[in-house]
């Protein structure tokens, strides 16, 4: 029985296998860079951005609806923070408030 380690075909098979695996990694990395959004990231079924307000280049506020509950998020300098959450009734009450109803301190 020949020694498997010293057989030249074993080295060729190892080299061919490495070549195939490395080629596959290179191909997939090029493909994924070319088409970064080939998987749908969200279709609005789980959450829906109701309102987006930008204050400056680094600060943005989002009002998000998720399953009938509303969440207020603030994104600033790369960090996303949840500020508050509201029910649908509370949001509807906010729509009925007008500027003359607010009192200045």
Protein backbone atom coordinates (compact mmCIF):
# COMPACT_ATOMS: atom_id res chain seq x y z
CA UNK A 1 0.00 0.00 0.00
CA UNK A 2 1.54 3.35 -1.02
CA UNK A 3 2.06 6.08 1.55
CA UNK A 4 -0.74 8.66 1.08
CA UNK A 5 1.34 11.64 2.26
CA UNK A 6 4.16 11.05 -0.20
CA UNK A 7 1.82 10.42 -3.15
CA UNK A 8 2.13 13.36 -5.66
CA UNK A 9 -1.61 13.16 -6.46
CA UNK A 10 -2.40 14.08 -2.84
CA UNK A 11 -0.51 17.36 -3.15
CA UNK A 12 -2.24 18.12 -6.45
CA UNK A 13 -5.66 17.48 -4.91
CA UNK A 14 -4.85 19.73 -1.93
CA UNK A 15 -3.57 22.50 -4.23
CA UNK A 16 -6.62 22.21 -6.49
CA UNK A 17 -8.99 22.29 -3.51
CA UNK A 18 -7.30 25.39 -2.09
CA UNK A 19 -7.45 27.06 -5.50
CA UNK A 20 -11.20 26.37 -5.79
CA UNK A 21 -11.96 27.64 -2.26
CA UNK A 22 -9.89 30.81 -2.66
CA UNK A 23 -11.42 31.48 -6.08
CA UNK A 24 -14.90 31.09 -4.61
CA UNK A 25 -14.11 33.57 -1.81
CA UNK A 26 -12.72 36.11 -4.27
CA UNK A 27 -15.72 35.74 -6.59
CA UNK A 28 -18.22 36.13 -3.75
CA UNK A 29 -16.43 39.16 -2.31
CA UNK A 30 -16.50 40.89 -5.72
CA UNK A 31 -20.14 39.92 -6.25
CA UNK A 32 -21.27 41.13 -2.84
CA UNK A 33 -19.47 44.45 -3.30
CA UNK A 34 -21.15 44.93 -6.67
CA UNK A 35 -24.64 44.07 -5.40
CA UNK A 36 -24.76 45.01 -1.69
CA UNK A 37 -28.57 45.05 -1.48
CA UNK A 38 -29.45 41.80 -3.19
CA UNK A 39 -31.39 40.81 -0.05
CA UNK A 40 -34.39 42.98 0.81
CA UNK A 41 -33.68 44.66 4.14
CA UNK A 42 -37.26 45.58 4.98
CA UNK A 43 -40.52 46.06 3.20
CA UNK A 44 -42.37 48.08 5.83
CA UNK A 45 -44.23 45.08 7.24
CA UNK A 46 -42.47 45.07 10.59
CA UNK A 47 -41.90 48.80 10.96
CA UNK A 48 -42.70 51.95 9.05
CA UNK A 49 -40.90 55.30 9.30
CA UNK A 50 -43.74 57.78 9.77
CA UNK A 51 -41.67 60.96 10.02
CA UNK A 52 -38.01 61.81 9.54
CA UNK A 53 -36.65 65.19 10.62
CA UNK A 54 -33.03 66.26 10.12
CA UNK A 55 -31.74 68.94 12.46
CA UNK A 56 -28.20 69.15 11.12
CA UNK A 57 -25.75 66.91 9.27
CA UNK A 58 -25.22 64.69 12.34
CA UNK A 59 -28.63 64.66 14.05
CA UNK A 60 -31.83 63.10 12.72
CA UNK A 61 -35.10 62.25 14.47
CA UNK A 62 -37.32 59.34 13.40
CA UNK A 63 -40.90 58.52 14.36
CA UNK A 64 -41.37 54.79 13.68
CA UNK A 65 -44.60 52.76 13.70
CA UNK A 66 -44.20 49.12 14.72
CA UNK A 67 -47.28 46.94 15.25
CA UNK A 68 -49.49 49.88 16.29
CA UNK A 69 -46.95 51.32 18.74
CA UNK A 70 -44.92 54.43 17.89
CA UNK A 71 -41.28 54.95 18.84
CA UNK A 72 -39.21 58.13 18.74
CA UNK A 73 -35.54 57.60 17.85
CA UNK A 74 -32.71 60.12 17.61
CA UNK A 75 -29.62 59.37 15.55
CA UNK A 76 -26.59 61.49 16.33
CA UNK A 77 -22.96 60.90 15.39
CA UNK A 78 -23.55 57.29 14.42
CA UNK A 79 -25.51 56.26 17.54
CA UNK A 80 -29.24 55.48 17.53
CA UNK A 81 -31.12 56.06 20.78
CA UNK A 82 -34.75 55.42 21.66
CA UNK A 83 -36.17 58.53 23.27
CA UNK A 84 -39.78 57.56 23.96
CA UNK A 85 -42.67 55.34 22.87
CA UNK A 86 -46.30 56.30 22.26
CA UNK A 87 -49.62 54.60 21.66
CA UNK A 88 -51.75 55.44 18.63
CA UNK A 89 -54.18 57.47 20.78
CA UNK A 90 -51.37 59.64 22.13
CA UNK A 91 -50.17 60.38 18.60
CA UNK A 92 -53.69 61.32 17.50
CA UNK A 93 -53.96 63.70 20.49
CA UNK A 94 -50.72 65.37 19.39
CA UNK A 95 -52.25 66.03 15.95
CA UNK A 96 -55.13 67.99 17.56
CA UNK A 97 -52.78 70.41 19.37
CA UNK A 98 -52.30 73.69 17.54
CA UNK A 99 -49.75 76.41 18.19
CA UNK A 100 -52.17 78.91 19.84
CA UNK A 101 -53.04 76.24 22.42
CA UNK A 102 -49.43 76.14 23.64
CA UNK A 103 -48.50 78.64 26.33
CA UNK A 104 -45.11 80.28 26.53
CA UNK A 105 -43.22 80.30 29.81
